[in-house]
Amino acid sequence: MAARLAGAAAGEERKKTIVAEFTEHAERFAKEVAEANAVASEDVRAALLAAKPDLEAYLAGTKAIVDAGLAGKVSPAQVEAFDALFGKLETSLEKVGDLIEAGATATAKEKESRFAQAALLLLAVIAAAVTLIVSSAWLFARATLQRLGAEPALLREFVARIADGHVDGRFAVHPGAGS
């Protein structure tokens, strides 16, 4: 577009700037495709490979229209052809984008699934730990009561009576007590 606006009357410096902008545009496309290709899944790589001819045709069409614009000789047929190349590239890149989105959605679902599995595992571990602690406490209390022979409250009362001088009292010991 800048080339068409500048036309043949543009100074050499302006023409160099426009050509440099086109060159930068083409290099940026190539770099971004290479970067995407390096990290993409197989289906995205295949779509990028399928889009490569459309990208090359678009860049060639862009160069042709820039050159024609700077020469002041852009025809309506060239603009129409360029628009068609751009539309074809847009369609190809849309397919690539759809595949990337589908991959991102699948990755997000997998992440959510793994998080749910980890949460369930954590809950199971917590439940097992609580069960172990409660069981251990119950066994400890049972063993302690068996060794004492009675409930601690009853033993306190019995000891308090002895301390008050009532040594003739009886105390009932649970069967199986260790003392």
Foldseek 3Di string as FASTA:
>chain_A
DQLLVCAQVHDPVSLVVLVVVLVVVLVVVVVVLVVCCVPDDPVLVVLSVVLVVLSVVLSVLVVVQSVCSNNRHDDPVSVVVNVVSVVSSVVSVVVSVVVVVVVVVVVVVVVVVVVVVVVVVVVVVVVVVVVVVVVVVVVVVVLVCLQVQHDPVLVVVVVVCVVVPNPPDDDHGDPNRND
